[in-house]
Each structure stands twice: as structure tokens, then as C-alpha cells.
N, C-alpha and C. Protein backbone atom coordinates (compact mmCIF):
# COMPACT_ATOMS: atom_id res chain seq x y z
N MET A 1 0.88 -1.07 -0.06
CA MET A 1 -0.38 0.03 -0.07
C MET A 1 0.68 1.16 0.17
N SER A 2 0.29 1.95 -0.95
CA SER A 2 1.20 3.56 -1.03
C SER A 2 0.71 4.40 0.00
N HIS A 3 1.93 5.09 0.61
CA HIS A 3 1.41 6.01 1.79
C HIS A 3 1.62 7.69 1.22
N PHE A 4 1.72 7.65 -0.48
CA PHE A 4 1.94 8.49 -1.24
C PHE A 4 0.58 9.34 -1.51
N GLN A 5 0.20 10.66 -0.93
CA GLN A 5 -0.80 11.50 -1.29
C GLN A 5 -0.10 12.61 -1.86
N PRO A 6 -1.53 13.46 -2.88
CA PRO A 6 -1.11 14.54 -3.70
C PRO A 6 -0.46 15.75 -2.64
N VAL A 7 0.37 16.37 -3.34
CA VAL A 7 0.88 17.29 -2.79
C VAL A 7 0.11 18.83 -3.50
N ALA A 8 -0.74 19.75 -2.78
CA ALA A 8 -0.99 20.87 -3.37
C ALA A 8 0.34 21.11 -3.82
N LEU A 9 0.11 21.77 -5.50
CA LEU A 9 1.17 22.37 -5.75
C LEU A 9 1.98 23.92 -5.44
N GLU A 10 1.24 24.58 -4.12
CA GLU A 10 1.76 25.77 -3.93
C GLU A 10 2.31 25.11 -2.79
N HIS A 11 2.38 24.00 -2.60
CA HIS A 11 3.52 23.51 -1.54
C HIS A 11 4.46 22.48 -2.24
N ALA A 12 4.45 22.68 -3.31
CA ALA A 12 5.96 21.53 -3.78
C ALA A 12 7.10 21.93 -3.83
N SER A 13 7.28 23.34 -3.87
CA SER A 13 8.58 23.48 -3.68
C SER A 13 9.13 23.70 -2.46
N ARG A 14 8.25 23.20 -0.94
CA ARG A 14 8.97 22.57 0.33
C ARG A 14 9.57 21.27 0.03
N LEU A 15 9.19 20.48 -0.75
CA LEU A 15 9.96 19.16 -1.15
C LEU A 15 11.35 19.08 -1.59
N ILE A 16 12.04 19.77 -1.61
CA ILE A 16 13.16 20.35 -2.02
C ILE A 16 13.78 21.38 -1.57
N ASN A 17 13.42 22.36 -0.57
CA ASN A 17 13.62 23.41 0.10
C ASN A 17 14.43 23.43 0.96
N HIS A 18 14.65 22.26 1.55
CA HIS A 18 15.49 21.74 2.44
C HIS A 18 16.74 21.05 2.08
N GLY A 19 17.42 20.77 0.62
CA GLY A 19 18.44 20.36 -0.35
C GLY A 19 18.88 18.97 -0.04
N PRO A 20 17.57 18.57 -0.30
CA PRO A 20 17.84 16.77 -0.14
C PRO A 20 18.80 16.38 -1.63
N THR A 21 19.29 15.14 -1.15
CA THR A 21 19.76 14.29 -2.56
C THR A 21 18.60 14.24 -3.40
N VAL A 22 18.45 14.13 -4.59
CA VAL A 22 17.48 13.51 -5.43
C VAL A 22 17.70 12.68 -6.41
N LEU A 23 16.57 11.84 -6.82
CA LEU A 23 16.94 10.79 -8.19
C LEU A 23 16.09 11.66 -8.90
N VAL A 24 16.91 11.58 -10.15
CA VAL A 24 16.26 12.40 -11.48
C VAL A 24 16.03 11.45 -12.57
N THR A 25 14.61 11.33 -12.79
CA THR A 25 14.20 9.88 -13.65
C THR A 25 13.94 11.19 -15.44
N SER A 26 14.11 10.21 -16.15
CA SER A 26 13.82 10.98 -17.47
C SER A 26 13.69 9.66 -18.49
N ALA A 27 12.75 9.95 -19.40
CA ALA A 27 12.15 8.97 -20.36
C ALA A 27 12.09 9.78 -21.63
N ALA A 28 12.23 9.28 -22.75
CA ALA A 28 11.96 9.43 -24.10
C ALA A 28 12.12 8.21 -25.21
N ALA A 29 10.91 7.99 -25.55
CA ALA A 29 9.99 6.99 -26.38
C ALA A 29 10.65 5.92 -25.51
N ASP A 30 11.03 4.77 -25.98
CA ASP A 30 11.14 3.47 -25.02
C ASP A 30 12.36 3.69 -24.39
N ARG A 31 13.03 4.66 -23.84
CA ARG A 31 14.41 4.82 -23.17
C ARG A 31 13.98 5.34 -21.97
N ARG A 32 14.56 5.06 -21.11
CA ARG A 32 14.53 5.60 -19.42
C ARG A 32 15.92 5.77 -18.98
N ASN A 33 15.64 6.70 -17.85
CA ASN A 33 17.13 6.52 -17.05
C ASN A 33 16.60 7.32 -15.62
N VAL A 34 17.76 6.82 -14.67
CA VAL A 34 17.39 7.60 -13.26
C VAL A 34 18.87 7.78 -12.78
N MET A 35 19.02 8.70 -12.60
CA MET A 35 20.26 9.68 -11.71
C MET A 35 20.00 9.95 -10.51
N ALA A 36 21.47 9.86 -9.60
CA ALA A 36 21.30 11.25 -8.23
C ALA A 36 21.76 12.62 -8.54
N ALA A 37 20.87 13.37 -8.19
CA ALA A 37 21.64 14.77 -8.10
C ALA A 37 21.56 15.37 -6.92
N ALA A 38 22.60 16.14 -6.53
CA ALA A 38 22.54 17.01 -4.99
C ALA A 38 22.36 18.30 -5.20
N TRP A 39 22.43 19.07 -5.98
CA TRP A 39 22.03 20.38 -6.52
C TRP A 39 20.60 20.41 -7.23
N SER A 40 19.51 20.63 -6.18
CA SER A 40 18.45 21.29 -6.48
C SER A 40 17.41 22.14 -5.72
N MET A 41 16.87 23.04 -6.20
CA MET A 41 15.96 23.71 -5.27
C MET A 41 14.75 24.39 -6.01
N PRO A 42 13.85 25.37 -5.17
CA PRO A 42 13.05 25.65 -5.69
C PRO A 42 13.10 27.19 -6.24
N VAL A 43 12.99 27.36 -7.35
CA VAL A 43 13.04 29.12 -7.48
C VAL A 43 11.53 30.25 -7.81
N GLU A 44 10.36 29.47 -7.69
CA GLU A 44 9.38 30.28 -7.98
C GLU A 44 8.17 29.36 -7.48
N PHE A 45 7.36 30.17 -6.77
CA PHE A 45 6.31 29.76 -5.98
C PHE A 45 5.29 29.66 -6.97
N THR A 46 4.10 30.08 -8.12
CA THR A 46 3.26 30.22 -8.71
C THR A 46 3.49 30.78 -10.02
N PRO A 47 3.55 29.74 -10.95
CA PRO A 47 3.79 28.23 -11.16
C PRO A 47 4.70 27.91 -10.10
N PRO A 48 4.77 26.74 -9.66
CA PRO A 48 5.60 26.37 -9.01
C PRO A 48 7.09 25.71 -10.00
N ARG A 49 7.91 26.28 -9.67
CA ARG A 49 9.52 25.84 -10.75
C ARG A 49 10.42 25.53 -9.48
N ILE A 50 11.40 24.91 -10.50
CA ILE A 50 13.03 24.33 -9.42
C ILE A 50 14.05 24.73 -10.70
N ALA A 51 14.82 24.42 -10.16
CA ALA A 51 16.24 24.47 -10.57
C ALA A 51 16.99 23.27 -10.45
N ILE A 52 17.50 22.67 -11.08
CA ILE A 52 18.55 21.49 -10.90
C ILE A 52 19.63 21.26 -11.77
N VAL A 53 20.46 21.04 -11.23
CA VAL A 53 22.06 20.80 -12.25
C VAL A 53 22.14 19.27 -12.73
N ILE A 54 22.46 19.40 -13.55
CA ILE A 54 22.51 18.28 -14.59
C ILE A 54 23.51 18.09 -15.37
N ASP A 55 24.67 17.80 -15.67
CA ASP A 55 25.35 17.62 -16.79
C ASP A 55 24.60 17.66 -18.01
N LYS A 56 25.40 18.91 -18.87
CA LYS A 56 24.77 18.77 -20.10
C LYS A 56 25.03 17.49 -21.16
N HIS A 57 26.04 16.88 -20.69
CA HIS A 57 26.51 15.75 -21.63
C HIS A 57 26.08 14.15 -21.09
N THR A 58 24.87 14.42 -20.02
CA THR A 58 24.66 13.19 -19.45
C THR A 58 23.52 12.53 -20.30
N TRP A 59 23.46 10.97 -20.01
CA TRP A 59 22.18 10.51 -20.81
C TRP A 59 20.73 10.87 -20.22
N THR A 60 20.86 11.23 -19.24
CA THR A 60 19.63 11.74 -18.48
C THR A 60 19.40 13.48 -19.24
N ARG A 61 20.37 14.16 -19.08
CA ARG A 61 20.12 15.46 -19.71
C ARG A 61 19.71 15.31 -21.63
N GLU A 62 20.20 14.15 -21.81
CA GLU A 62 20.00 13.96 -23.62
C GLU A 62 17.95 13.46 -23.52
N LEU A 63 17.54 12.63 -22.44
CA LEU A 63 16.47 12.29 -22.51
C LEU A 63 15.70 13.41 -22.14
N MET A 64 15.88 13.96 -21.13
CA MET A 64 15.16 15.33 -21.01
C MET A 64 14.78 16.04 -21.76
N THR A 65 16.12 16.75 -22.85
CA THR A 65 16.05 17.43 -23.84
C THR A 65 14.60 16.94 -24.89
N ALA A 66 14.94 15.39 -25.04
CA ALA A 66 14.16 14.91 -26.25
C ALA A 66 12.57 14.85 -25.63
N SER A 67 12.27 14.40 -24.51
CA SER A 67 10.73 14.80 -23.95
C SER A 67 10.32 15.77 -23.58
N GLY A 68 11.06 16.66 -23.29
CA GLY A 68 10.64 18.00 -22.21
C GLY A 68 10.25 17.58 -20.88
N ALA A 69 10.50 16.75 -20.42
CA ALA A 69 9.84 16.39 -19.49
C ALA A 69 11.19 15.71 -17.94
N PHE A 70 10.99 15.64 -16.99
CA PHE A 70 11.72 14.73 -16.01
C PHE A 70 10.91 14.71 -14.66
N ALA A 71 11.17 13.51 -13.80
CA ALA A 71 10.65 13.74 -12.29
C ALA A 71 11.59 13.63 -11.54
N VAL A 72 11.33 14.19 -10.44
CA VAL A 72 12.37 14.46 -9.18
C VAL A 72 11.96 13.38 -8.16
N CYS A 73 12.51 12.52 -7.92
CA CYS A 73 12.01 11.51 -6.37
C CYS A 73 13.25 11.74 -5.72
N ILE A 74 12.28 11.81 -4.01
CA ILE A 74 13.33 12.60 -2.92
C ILE A 74 13.79 10.97 -2.05
N PRO A 75 14.73 10.31 -2.00
CA PRO A 75 15.21 8.92 -1.39
C PRO A 75 14.94 9.62 -0.16
N CYS A 76 14.82 8.48 0.92
CA CYS A 76 15.07 8.87 2.09
C CYS A 76 16.15 7.90 2.93
N VAL A 77 16.03 7.46 3.89
CA VAL A 77 17.28 6.57 4.54
C VAL A 77 17.52 5.12 3.80
N THR A 78 16.25 4.77 3.76
CA THR A 78 16.14 3.19 3.40
C THR A 78 16.42 3.42 1.76
N GLY A 79 16.39 4.44 1.17
CA GLY A 79 17.17 4.68 -0.03
C GLY A 79 18.50 4.92 -0.19
N ILE A 80 19.45 5.33 0.87
CA ILE A 80 21.16 5.58 0.44
C ILE A 80 21.59 4.70 -0.72
N ASP A 81 21.03 3.22 -0.35
CA ASP A 81 22.29 2.19 -1.58
C ASP A 81 21.89 2.50 -2.83
N LEU A 82 20.19 2.57 -2.91
CA LEU A 82 20.20 2.93 -4.40
C LEU A 82 20.19 4.00 -5.12
N ALA A 83 20.50 5.35 -4.35
CA ALA A 83 20.82 6.71 -4.90
C ALA A 83 22.64 6.74 -5.03
N TYR A 84 23.22 5.85 -4.30
CA TYR A 84 24.33 5.85 -4.43
C TYR A 84 24.95 5.05 -5.78
N ALA A 85 23.93 3.99 -5.58
CA ALA A 85 24.30 2.96 -7.06
C ALA A 85 23.87 3.58 -8.49
N VAL A 86 22.61 4.41 -8.55
CA VAL A 86 22.19 4.91 -9.31
C VAL A 86 23.13 6.45 -9.73
N GLY A 87 24.00 6.80 -8.79
CA GLY A 87 24.66 7.84 -9.18
C GLY A 87 26.22 7.41 -9.56
N SER A 88 26.43 6.29 -9.29
CA SER A 88 27.79 5.59 -9.96
C SER A 88 27.97 5.28 -11.28
N VAL A 89 27.07 5.05 -11.91
CA VAL A 89 27.17 4.37 -13.36
C VAL A 89 26.16 5.25 -14.40
N SER A 90 26.65 5.14 -15.48
CA SER A 90 26.26 5.69 -16.38
C SER A 90 24.72 4.91 -17.28
N GLY A 91 23.88 5.50 -17.72
CA GLY A 91 22.53 5.07 -18.08
C GLY A 91 22.70 4.71 -19.61
N ARG A 92 23.82 4.94 -20.01
CA ARG A 92 24.32 4.40 -21.60
C ARG A 92 24.89 3.30 -21.78
N ASP A 93 25.23 2.94 -20.19
CA ASP A 93 25.67 1.44 -20.23
C ASP A 93 24.65 0.35 -20.31
N GLY A 94 23.39 0.68 -19.92
CA GLY A 94 22.09 0.14 -20.05
C GLY A 94 20.67 0.53 -18.87
N ASP A 95 20.09 -0.04 -19.24
CA ASP A 95 18.62 0.27 -18.22
C ASP A 95 19.26 0.11 -16.88
N LYS A 96 19.30 1.42 -16.06
CA LYS A 96 19.42 1.01 -14.54
C LYS A 96 18.28 0.79 -13.87
N PHE A 97 17.25 0.62 -14.07
CA PHE A 97 15.80 0.40 -13.36
C PHE A 97 16.04 -1.05 -13.52
N ALA A 98 16.13 -1.77 -14.70
CA ALA A 98 16.36 -3.53 -15.02
C ALA A 98 17.59 -3.89 -14.15
N ARG A 99 18.61 -3.28 -14.02
CA ARG A 99 19.93 -3.61 -13.39
C ARG A 99 20.09 -3.28 -12.07
N PHE A 100 18.99 -2.62 -11.22
CA PHE A 100 18.88 -2.37 -9.71
C PHE A 100 17.76 -2.60 -9.67
N ASN A 101 16.96 -3.58 -10.25
CA ASN A 101 15.58 -3.90 -10.13
C ASN A 101 14.66 -2.86 -9.30
N ILE A 102 14.77 -1.73 -10.11
CA ILE A 102 13.99 -0.59 -9.66
C ILE A 102 12.23 -0.28 -10.14
N GLU A 103 11.11 -0.67 -9.22
CA GLU A 103 9.89 -0.44 -9.80
C GLU A 103 9.69 1.00 -9.83
N ALA A 104 8.92 1.39 -11.02
CA ALA A 104 8.67 2.44 -11.49
C ALA A 104 7.24 2.58 -11.97
N ALA A 105 6.41 3.66 -11.18
CA ALA A 105 5.12 4.05 -11.80
C ALA A 105 5.24 4.58 -12.90
N ARG A 106 4.22 5.45 -13.81
CA ARG A 106 3.73 6.33 -14.71
C ARG A 106 3.47 7.37 -13.74
N GLY A 107 4.10 8.77 -14.37
CA GLY A 107 3.51 9.82 -13.56
C GLY A 107 2.47 10.04 -13.98
N PRO A 108 1.13 10.57 -13.28
CA PRO A 108 0.11 11.11 -13.77
C PRO A 108 -0.11 11.95 -14.92
N VAL A 109 0.66 13.29 -15.17
CA VAL A 109 0.77 14.13 -15.82
C VAL A 109 1.44 14.10 -17.41
N LEU A 110 2.50 13.18 -16.64
CA LEU A 110 3.30 13.43 -17.99
C LEU A 110 4.32 12.18 -18.21
N GLY A 111 4.17 11.30 -17.58
CA GLY A 111 4.18 9.94 -17.70
C GLY A 111 5.43 9.28 -17.38
N MET A 112 6.39 10.37 -16.57
CA MET A 112 7.43 10.17 -16.53
C MET A 112 8.00 8.92 -15.12
N PRO A 113 8.88 8.35 -15.11
CA PRO A 113 9.23 7.17 -14.28
C PRO A 113 8.98 7.71 -12.84
N LEU A 114 8.25 7.12 -11.72
CA LEU A 114 8.34 7.82 -10.62
C LEU A 114 8.48 6.33 -9.59
N ILE A 115 9.87 6.88 -8.58
CA ILE A 115 10.39 5.78 -7.68
C ILE A 115 9.62 6.35 -6.05
N GLU A 116 8.57 5.32 -5.96
CA GLU A 116 8.27 5.59 -4.29
C GLU A 116 9.02 4.63 -3.21
N GLU A 117 9.35 3.47 -3.48
CA GLU A 117 9.95 2.33 -2.46
C GLU A 117 11.61 3.48 -2.58
N GLY A 118 11.73 3.72 -1.46
CA GLY A 118 12.97 4.18 -0.87
C GLY A 118 12.89 5.93 -1.18
N CYS A 119 11.87 6.03 -1.53
CA CYS A 119 11.57 7.36 -1.39
C CYS A 119 10.17 7.89 -0.99
N VAL A 120 10.62 9.45 -0.21
CA VAL A 120 9.42 9.96 0.30
C VAL A 120 8.45 11.07 -0.16
N ALA A 121 8.69 11.41 -1.64
CA ALA A 121 8.04 12.45 -2.52
C ALA A 121 8.41 12.09 -3.95
N TRP A 122 7.78 12.80 -4.56
CA TRP A 122 8.37 12.76 -6.20
C TRP A 122 7.38 14.16 -6.66
N MET A 123 7.99 14.53 -7.89
CA MET A 123 7.48 15.81 -8.63
C MET A 123 7.50 15.80 -9.85
N GLU A 124 6.76 15.49 -11.09
CA GLU A 124 6.83 15.41 -12.35
C GLU A 124 6.66 17.02 -12.73
N CYS A 125 8.09 17.38 -13.69
CA CYS A 125 8.13 18.46 -14.13
C CYS A 125 8.45 18.42 -15.51
N ARG A 126 8.00 19.71 -16.44
CA ARG A 126 7.94 20.08 -17.61
C ARG A 126 8.84 20.88 -17.56
N LEU A 127 10.41 20.49 -18.39
CA LEU A 127 11.22 21.51 -18.78
C LEU A 127 10.96 22.45 -19.16
N VAL A 128 11.53 23.74 -18.62
CA VAL A 128 11.36 25.12 -19.43
C VAL A 128 12.67 25.27 -20.16
N ARG A 129 12.32 25.34 -21.43
CA ARG A 129 13.29 25.41 -22.23
C ARG A 129 14.14 26.92 -22.50
N GLU A 130 15.07 26.67 -22.37
CA GLU A 130 16.08 28.37 -22.21
C GLU A 130 17.08 27.75 -23.70
N PRO A 131 16.92 28.20 -24.61
CA PRO A 131 17.65 28.34 -25.71
C PRO A 131 19.28 28.78 -25.91
N HIS A 132 18.89 29.71 -25.31
CA HIS A 132 20.21 30.46 -25.09
C HIS A 132 21.15 29.91 -24.25
N THR A 133 20.52 29.18 -23.05
CA THR A 133 21.50 28.65 -21.90
C THR A 133 21.83 27.35 -21.99
N GLU A 134 21.19 26.58 -22.99
CA GLU A 134 21.12 24.90 -22.85
C GLU A 134 22.46 24.32 -23.45
N ASP A 135 23.33 25.26 -24.03
CA ASP A 135 24.32 24.37 -24.64
C ASP A 135 25.57 24.72 -23.59
N ALA A 136 25.38 26.26 -22.73
CA ALA A 136 26.10 26.83 -22.04
C ALA A 136 26.05 26.33 -20.75
N TYR A 137 24.96 25.65 -20.09
CA TYR A 137 25.02 25.68 -18.66
C TYR A 137 24.59 24.26 -18.31
N ASP A 138 24.96 23.68 -16.94
CA ASP A 138 24.20 22.48 -16.41
C ASP A 138 22.74 22.75 -15.69
N THR A 139 22.50 24.08 -15.75
CA THR A 139 21.22 24.34 -14.74
C THR A 139 20.23 24.03 -15.95
N CYS A 140 19.08 23.43 -14.96
CA CYS A 140 17.99 23.21 -15.90
C CYS A 140 17.05 23.92 -14.97
N PHE A 141 15.98 24.34 -15.59
CA PHE A 141 14.80 25.07 -15.27
C PHE A 141 13.46 24.21 -15.69
N ALA A 142 12.75 24.08 -14.63
CA ALA A 142 11.67 23.24 -14.80
C ALA A 142 9.92 23.47 -14.17
N GLU A 143 8.89 23.34 -14.71
CA GLU A 143 7.85 23.80 -13.68
C GLU A 143 6.95 22.46 -13.06
N VAL A 144 7.07 22.31 -11.71
CA VAL A 144 6.28 20.89 -11.60
C VAL A 144 4.77 21.16 -11.82
N VAL A 145 4.33 19.53 -12.44
CA VAL A 145 3.13 19.77 -13.15
C VAL A 145 2.00 19.01 -12.02
N SER A 146 2.75 17.95 -11.27
CA SER A 146 2.20 17.05 -10.04
C SER A 146 3.21 16.70 -9.48
N ALA A 147 2.67 16.61 -8.12
CA ALA A 147 3.34 16.34 -6.63
C ALA A 147 2.75 15.51 -6.02
N ALA A 148 3.81 14.29 -5.31
CA ALA A 148 2.98 13.26 -4.04
C ALA A 148 4.38 13.37 -2.83
N ALA A 149 3.62 13.10 -1.76
CA ALA A 149 4.61 12.74 -0.56
C ALA A 149 3.82 11.91 0.25
N ASP A 150 5.24 10.74 0.92
CA ASP A 150 4.65 10.07 1.84
C ASP A 150 4.23 10.74 3.12
N ALA A 151 2.53 10.81 3.07
CA ALA A 151 1.98 11.18 4.40
C ALA A 151 2.52 10.98 5.88
N ARG A 152 3.10 10.23 5.65
CA ARG A 152 4.07 9.61 7.19
C ARG A 152 4.89 11.00 7.52
N VAL A 153 5.55 11.50 6.75
CA VAL A 153 6.78 12.41 6.96
C VAL A 153 6.04 14.13 6.05
N PHE A 154 5.58 14.00 5.15
CA PHE A 154 5.05 15.10 4.68
C PHE A 154 3.62 15.40 4.47
N HIS A 155 3.08 16.23 5.77
CA HIS A 155 1.54 16.46 5.48
C HIS A 155 1.10 17.86 5.93
N ASP A 156 0.50 18.22 5.71
CA ASP A 156 -0.07 19.91 5.80
C ASP A 156 0.58 20.84 5.49
N GLY A 157 1.45 20.62 4.14
CA GLY A 157 2.37 21.09 3.36
C GLY A 157 3.65 21.24 3.95
N ARG A 158 3.99 20.51 4.98
CA ARG A 158 5.63 20.71 5.76
C ARG A 158 5.98 19.12 5.80
N TRP A 159 7.31 18.98 6.10
CA TRP A 159 8.32 17.86 6.59
C TRP A 159 7.71 18.33 7.91
N ARG A 160 7.36 16.60 8.29
CA ARG A 160 7.53 16.32 9.81
C ARG A 160 8.49 14.75 10.00
N PHE A 161 9.60 15.20 10.26
CA PHE A 161 10.94 14.58 10.85
C PHE A 161 10.59 14.65 12.20
N ASP A 162 10.46 13.40 12.86
CA ASP A 162 11.34 13.12 14.33
C ASP A 162 11.61 11.65 14.63
N ASP A 163 11.82 11.30 15.89
CA ASP A 163 12.40 10.01 16.14
C ASP A 163 11.63 9.14 15.72
N ALA A 164 10.52 8.84 15.82
CA ALA A 164 9.52 7.65 15.17
C ALA A 164 9.62 7.56 13.98
N ASN A 165 10.03 8.53 12.77
CA ASN A 165 10.25 8.15 11.25
C ASN A 165 11.61 8.56 10.81
N THR A 166 12.36 8.05 11.57
CA THR A 166 13.75 8.11 10.82
C THR A 166 14.41 7.63 9.91
N ASP A 167 13.52 6.45 9.52
CA ASP A 167 14.12 5.42 8.40
C ASP A 167 13.41 6.23 7.21
N LEU A 168 12.54 7.49 7.24
CA LEU A 168 11.74 8.02 6.38
C LEU A 168 12.36 9.50 5.91
N HIS A 169 13.69 9.65 6.80
CA HIS A 169 14.29 11.00 7.02
C HIS A 169 15.00 11.20 5.24
N THR A 170 14.88 12.53 5.06
CA THR A 170 15.84 12.55 3.54
C THR A 170 16.83 12.52 3.90
N ILE A 171 17.58 12.38 2.38
CA ILE A 171 19.31 12.24 2.53
C ILE A 171 19.62 13.49 2.17
N HIS A 172 21.29 13.39 2.41
CA HIS A 172 22.14 14.76 1.97
C HIS A 172 23.44 14.18 1.81
N HIS A 173 23.94 14.17 0.54
CA HIS A 173 25.32 13.20 -0.06
C HIS A 173 26.45 14.66 0.27
N LEU A 174 27.18 13.94 0.85
CA LEU A 174 28.48 14.67 1.19
C LEU A 174 29.74 14.26 0.73
N GLY A 175 29.43 13.53 -0.32
CA GLY A 175 30.72 12.96 -1.11
C GLY A 175 31.22 11.75 -0.68
N GLY A 176 31.78 10.91 -2.19
CA GLY A 176 32.11 9.64 -1.56
C GLY A 176 31.41 8.43 -1.00
N GLY A 177 30.49 8.67 -1.66
CA GLY A 177 29.44 7.79 -0.70
C GLY A 177 28.58 7.75 0.30
N ASN A 178 28.74 9.23 1.00
CA ASN A 178 28.83 9.34 2.41
C ASN A 178 27.26 10.47 2.35
N PHE A 179 26.68 9.91 3.56
CA PHE A 179 25.26 10.89 3.59
C PHE A 179 25.20 10.99 5.19
N VAL A 180 23.80 12.53 5.31
CA VAL A 180 23.54 12.30 6.55
C VAL A 180 21.96 12.26 6.24
N ARG A 181 21.53 12.22 7.30
CA ARG A 181 19.98 12.64 7.08
C ARG A 181 19.51 13.44 7.76
N SER A 182 18.34 14.20 7.30
CA SER A 182 17.40 15.56 8.10
C SER A 182 17.41 14.78 9.52
N SER A 183 17.72 15.23 10.36
CA SER A 183 16.94 15.10 11.70
C SER A 183 17.27 16.24 12.85
N SER A 184 16.49 15.97 14.25
CA SER A 184 16.48 16.65 14.96
C SER A 184 15.77 18.12 14.52
N PRO A 185 14.82 18.06 14.27
CA PRO A 185 14.32 19.37 13.92
C PRO A 185 14.11 20.38 15.32
N ILE A 186 14.23 21.90 15.05
CA ILE A 186 14.13 22.90 16.06
C ILE A 186 13.01 23.58 15.69
N ALA A 187 12.20 24.18 16.43
CA ALA A 187 11.12 24.79 16.12
C ALA A 187 11.38 26.23 16.31
N ALA A 188 11.54 27.15 15.73
CA ALA A 188 11.70 28.42 16.36
C ALA A 188 10.65 28.75 17.33
N ARG A 189 10.67 30.03 18.40
CA ARG A 189 9.95 30.22 19.06
C ARG A 189 10.06 32.13 18.76
N PRO A 190 8.93 32.34 19.37
CA PRO A 190 8.55 34.15 18.98
C PRO A 190 9.67 34.81 19.96
N LEU A 191 10.13 35.63 19.55
CA LEU A 191 11.03 36.80 20.50
C LEU A 191 10.31 37.63 20.87
């Protein structure tokens, strides 16, 4: 049973505003790929838009450009090994979904591959074409067109990390296969 619930698009930027490692999925025709990325961020609220850095020479970028779409899946502690694996090999060498036995659903709006196992959220994104920058920069901009998150850690438009759901905390890559998890939230008090 999936714990994923739709996320209102006005809250979609909150899925990545804390800077987690993300998995980027892409597909064009009968080809697909998944890769890990460490640099992503929200850039606009309405419509919700994000920026993500994906080397312009990668297989993922080629598929994104061909289809005009991609998805961002947000792994949690239980997905660390998957994030490291898909970030360590090229999709040009074969289908990583098959190689790593990754189940993917089709996105509801764009049909992009969505990964829920080992992840706590996803966003389907339509690539914002920037012809004057596509050959020069690795940064891509996209509009989020659908989003969902695991209600056990994201509800009422906010992340809820606590000691009872540590396996579902998002992860942050430090390099060399080392990650830290989001934890120990501290609430601000009025002054």
C-alpha cells in the first residue's frame, strides 16, 4: 500500500527547499534513466518552478531534452544504497531500472518514471526551455506539474521529521558515498 498522497502545487517547492539528494528520472520514446543529483532548489512559487543541475553531456539530460520532461524523486534513509548506485554508473551502459530492480510507476501528468520505494516524495516536471543557455550551462529549470509525498513525513504542506520516522528522513550527500539524514528538527520561538 502506498503512503503517498497528492501535494498541493503551492507546497511542492517545500519538497526540496531543505536541499536533499534527489533522484532524477527521465524517459523518451522507449528509453529511460535514473540518476542522483545533489543540487536542486525551488525558484518560483506560482507556478511552482525548480532548478536542478544536470551535466549537459549526461544520458539523463539527453532524454530530458528529447521529451521536455523529467521527474524528481526524493530518497530517504532506506534509499541510500539506491541513490549511491544510480549515481555511480551511466545509463548509457544499460537500463538502470532493470539493473538495480527498480519499480517505477508512470507519472499522472507527463508519464515520467516515478520511484516510491526508498523515496518519500516525487515531482513531475516540465522542462522550461532556455535555448540561449542549454548549450552553455548545466542548470535546468522546470515547472512542477504534479507532486506527491509520503504522508508519514510530509503533511499539511510541511515536512515532519521526528524520532519515530527516522528511516523516512531525507538524505544529503557529502561525497564519496557518505550521506547524512535530516534529523533533530528545532522549532523557532517568537522573540
